[in-house]
PDB file of N, CA and C in Angstrom:
ATOM      1  N   MET A   1       0.846  -1.194  -0.006  1.00  0.00           N
ATOM      2  CA  MET A   1       0.003   0.002   0.004  1.00  0.00           C
ATOM      3  C   MET A   1       0.886   1.281  -0.016  1.00  0.00           C
ATOM      4  N   GLU A   2       0.305   2.307  -0.548  1.00  0.00           N
ATOM      5  CA  GLU A   2       1.007   3.570  -0.553  1.00  0.00           C
ATOM      6  C   GLU A   2       0.992   4.148   0.865  1.00  0.00           C
ATOM      7  N   PRO A   3       2.086   4.778   1.247  1.00  0.00           N
ATOM      8  CA  PRO A   3       2.127   5.396   2.592  1.00  0.00           C
ATOM      9  C   PRO A   3       1.034   6.461   2.800  1.00  0.00           C
ATOM     10  N   ALA A   4       0.679   7.156   1.782  1.00  0.00           N
ATOM     11  CA  ALA A   4      -0.368   8.203   1.887  1.00  0.00           C
ATOM     12  C   ALA A   4      -1.709   7.579   2.236  1.00  0.00           C
ATOM     13  N   ILE A   5      -1.998   6.418   1.623  1.00  0.00           N
ATOM     14  CA  ILE A   5      -3.277   5.747   1.868  1.00  0.00           C
ATOM     15  C   ILE A   5      -3.325   5.242   3.310  1.00  0.00           C
ATOM     16  N   VAL A   6      -2.182   4.729   3.804  1.00  0.00           N
ATOM     17  CA  VAL A   6      -2.123   4.221   5.175  1.00  0.00           C
ATOM     18  C   VAL A   6      -2.358   5.407   6.116  1.00  0.00           C
ATOM     19  N   LEU A   7      -1.754   6.548   5.832  1.00  0.00           N
ATOM     20  CA  LEU A   7      -1.921   7.713   6.693  1.00  0.00           C
ATOM     21  C   LEU A   7      -3.354   8.191   6.682  1.00  0.00           C
ATOM     22  N   ILE A   8      -3.991   8.228   5.540  1.00  0.00           N
ATOM     23  CA  ILE A   8      -5.386   8.686   5.440  1.00  0.00           C
ATOM     24  C   ILE A   8      -6.298   7.731   6.229  1.00  0.00           C
ATOM     25  N   ILE A   9      -6.090   6.426   6.082  1.00  0.00           N
ATOM     26  CA  ILE A   9      -6.901   5.459   6.794  1.00  0.00           C
ATOM     27  C   ILE A   9      -6.686   5.565   8.296  1.00  0.00           C
ATOM     28  N   SER A  10      -5.439   5.798   8.719  1.00  0.00           N
ATOM     29  CA  SER A  10      -5.128   5.930  10.165  1.00  0.00           C
ATOM     30  C   SER A  10      -5.798   7.151  10.732  1.00  0.00           C
ATOM     31  N   VAL A  11      -5.750   8.257  10.076  1.00  0.00           N
ATOM     32  CA  VAL A  11      -6.386   9.504  10.519  1.00  0.00           C
ATOM     33  C   VAL A  11      -7.893   9.307  10.551  1.00  0.00           C
ATOM     34  N   ALA A  12      -8.470   8.695   9.559  1.00  0.00           N
ATOM     35  CA  ALA A  12      -9.932   8.452   9.519  1.00  0.00           C
ATOM     36  C   ALA A  12     -10.361   7.564  10.668  1.00  0.00           C
ATOM     37  N   VAL A  13      -9.607   6.519  10.957  1.00  0.00           N
ATOM     38  CA  VAL A  13      -9.959   5.621  12.084  1.00  0.00           C
ATOM     39  C   VAL A  13      -9.856   6.373  13.369  1.00  0.00           C
ATOM     40  N   ALA A  14      -8.843   7.188  13.535  1.00  0.00           N
ATOM     41  CA  ALA A  14      -8.670   7.971  14.752  1.00  0.00           C
ATOM     42  C   ALA A  14      -9.832   8.950  14.962  1.00  0.00           C
ATOM     43  N   VAL A  15     -10.242   9.653  13.915  1.00  0.00           N
ATOM     44  CA  VAL A  15     -11.360  10.614  13.988  1.00  0.00           C
ATOM     45  C   VAL A  15     -12.642   9.894  14.329  1.00  0.00           C
ATOM     46  N   ILE A  16     -12.903   8.768  13.678  1.00  0.00           N
ATOM     47  CA  ILE A  16     -14.126   8.010  13.946  1.00  0.00           C
ATOM     48  C   ILE A  16     -14.125   7.474  15.407  1.00  0.00           C
ATOM     49  N   GLY A  17     -12.975   7.001  15.852  1.00  0.00           N
ATOM     50  CA  GLY A  17     -12.886   6.499  17.211  1.00  0.00           C
ATOM     51  C   GLY A  17     -13.106   7.585  18.238  1.00  0.00           C
ATOM     52  N   ILE A  18     -12.495   8.763  18.060  1.00  0.00           N
ATOM     53  CA  ILE A  18     -12.684   9.872  19.009  1.00  0.00           C
ATOM     54  C   ILE A  18     -14.139  10.339  18.973  1.00  0.00           C
ATOM     55  N   THR A  19     -14.762  10.396  17.796  1.00  0.00           N
ATOM     56  CA  THR A  19     -16.152  10.780  17.725  1.00  0.00           C
ATOM     57  C   THR A  19     -17.037   9.797  18.425  1.00  0.00           C
ATOM     58  N   GLY A  20     -16.817   8.481  18.229  1.00  0.00           N
ATOM     59  CA  GLY A  20     -17.584   7.462  18.905  1.00  0.00           C
ATOM     60  C   GLY A  20     -17.409   7.531  20.413  1.00  0.00           C
ATOM     61  N   TRP A  21     -16.204   7.773  20.876  1.00  0.00           N
ATOM     62  CA  TRP A  21     -15.937   7.873  22.321  1.00  0.00           C
ATOM     63  C   TRP A  21     -16.678   9.067  22.912  1.00  0.00           C
ATOM     64  N   GLY A  22     -16.683  10.197  22.187  1.00  0.00           N
ATOM     65  CA  GLY A  22     -17.361  11.356  22.659  1.00  0.00           C
ATOM     66  C   GLY A  22     -18.895  11.185  22.712  1.00  0.00           C
ATOM     67  N   ILE A  23     -19.456  10.484  21.755  1.00  0.00           N
ATOM     68  CA  ILE A  23     -20.884  10.193  21.768  1.00  0.00           C
ATOM     69  C   ILE A  23     -21.211   9.267  22.915  1.00  0.00           C
ATOM     70  N   TYR A  24     -20.353   8.291  23.146  1.00  0.00           N
ATOM     71  CA  TYR A  24     -20.557   7.370  24.277  1.00  0.00           C
ATOM     72  C   TYR A  24     -20.541   8.076  25.629  1.00  0.00           C
ATOM     73  N   ILE A  25     -19.574   8.970  25.766  1.00  0.00           N
ATOM     74  CA  ILE A  25     -19.444   9.737  27.054  1.00  0.00           C
ATOM     75  C   ILE A  25     -20.676  10.671  27.194  1.00  0.00           C
ATOM     76  N   SER A  26     -21.110  11.311  26.097  1.00  0.00           N
ATOM     77  CA  SER A  26     -22.178  12.256  26.160  1.00  0.00           C
ATOM     78  C   SER A  26     -23.567  11.652  26.377  1.00  0.00           C
ATOM     79  N   PHE A  27     -23.829  10.494  25.725  1.00  0.00           N
ATOM     80  CA  PHE A  27     -25.175   9.918  25.764  1.00  0.00           C
ATOM     81  C   PHE A  27     -25.256   8.523  26.374  1.00  0.00           C
ATOM     82  N   GLY A  28     -24.138   7.927  26.630  1.00  0.00           N
ATOM     83  CA  GLY A  28     -24.117   6.544  27.203  1.00  0.00           C
ATOM     84  C   GLY A  28     -24.245   6.579  28.720  1.00  0.00           C
ATOM     85  N   PRO A  29     -24.002   5.419  29.326  1.00  0.00           N
ATOM     86  CA  PRO A  29     -24.106   5.309  30.779  1.00  0.00           C
ATOM     87  C   PRO A  29     -23.242   6.308  31.572  1.00  0.00           C
ATOM     88  N   PRO A  30     -22.052   6.682  31.156  1.00  0.00           N
ATOM     89  CA  PRO A  30     -21.278   7.674  31.906  1.00  0.00           C
ATOM     90  C   PRO A  30     -21.887   9.058  31.980  1.00  0.00           C
ATOM     91  N   SER A  31     -22.889   9.339  31.116  1.00  0.00           N
ATOM     92  CA  SER A  31     -23.516  10.667  31.085  1.00  0.00           C
ATOM     93  C   SER A  31     -24.300  10.939  32.369  1.00  0.00           C
ATOM     94  N   ARG A  32     -24.636   9.958  33.160  1.00  0.00           N
ATOM     95  CA  ARG A  32     -25.356  10.178  34.383  1.00  0.00           C
ATOM     96  C   ARG A  32     -24.477  10.954  35.402  1.00  0.00           C
ATOM     97  N   GLU A  33     -23.188  10.842  35.285  1.00  0.00           N
ATOM     98  CA  GLU A  33     -22.262  11.538  36.214  1.00  0.00           C
ATOM     99  C   GLU A  33     -21.956  12.947  35.817  1.00  0.00           C
ATOM    100  N   LEU A  34     -22.411  13.338  34.619  1.00  0.00           N
ATOM    101  CA  LEU A  34     -22.120  14.677  34.142  1.00  0.00           C
ATOM    102  C   LEU A  34     -23.127  15.681  34.805  1.00  0.00           C
ATOM    103  N   SER A  35     -22.651  16.865  35.072  1.00  0.00           N
ATOM    104  CA  SER A  35     -23.542  17.899  35.633  1.00  0.00           C
ATOM    105  C   SER A  35     -23.703  19.049  34.657  1.00  0.00           C
ATOM    106  N   ASP A  36     -24.819  19.679  34.734  1.00  0.00           N
ATOM    107  CA  ASP A  36     -25.133  20.823  33.887  1.00  0.00           C
ATOM    108  C   ASP A  36     -24.790  22.125  34.659  1.00  0.00           C
ATOM    109  N   PRO A  37     -23.729  22.840  34.261  1.00  0.00           N
ATOM    110  CA  PRO A  37     -23.336  24.041  35.043  1.00  0.00           C
ATOM    111  C   PRO A  37     -24.441  25.130  35.076  1.00  0.00           C
ATOM    112  N   PHE A  38     -25.283  25.138  34.013  1.00  0.00           N
ATOM    113  CA  PHE A  38     -26.319  26.150  33.984  1.00  0.00           C
ATOM    114  C   PHE A  38     -27.394  25.843  35.024  1.00  0.00           C
ATOM    115  N   GLU A  39     -27.686  24.596  35.243  1.00  0.00           N
ATOM    116  CA  GLU A  39     -28.664  24.210  36.289  1.00  0.00           C
ATOM    117  C   GLU A  39     -28.087  24.362  37.662  1.00  0.00           C
ATOM    118  N   ASP A  40     -26.820  24.228  37.790  1.00  0.00           N
ATOM    119  CA  ASP A  40     -26.119  24.346  39.109  1.00  0.00           C
ATOM    120  C   ASP A  40     -26.129  25.784  39.601  1.00  0.00           C
ATOM    121  N   HIS A  41     -26.135  26.765  38.680  1.00  0.00           N
ATOM    122  CA  HIS A  41     -26.005  28.144  39.071  1.00  0.00           C
ATOM    123  C   HIS A  41     -27.126  29.043  38.459  1.00  0.00           C
ATOM    124  N   GLU A  42     -28.314  28.651  38.802  1.00  0.00           N
ATOM    125  CA  GLU A  42     -29.452  29.461  38.305  1.00  0.00           C
ATOM    126  C   GLU A  42     -29.587  30.777  39.067  1.00  0.00           C
ATOM    127  N   ASP A  43     -29.969  31.831  38.364  1.00  0.00           N
ATOM    128  CA  ASP A  43     -30.092  33.107  39.008  1.00  0.00           C
ATOM    129  C   ASP A  43     -31.573  33.385  39.334  1.00  0.00           C
TER     130      ASP A  43
END
């Protein structure tokens, strides 16, 4: 394989992985531990 193709595939896999991890943290089971700073400090 061409080195450029390997680089493109590696970057794409990394971006997809980070995006998936972020969605899991935001909407998955760990999201119960997140707090909303706007609800914590209502005026």
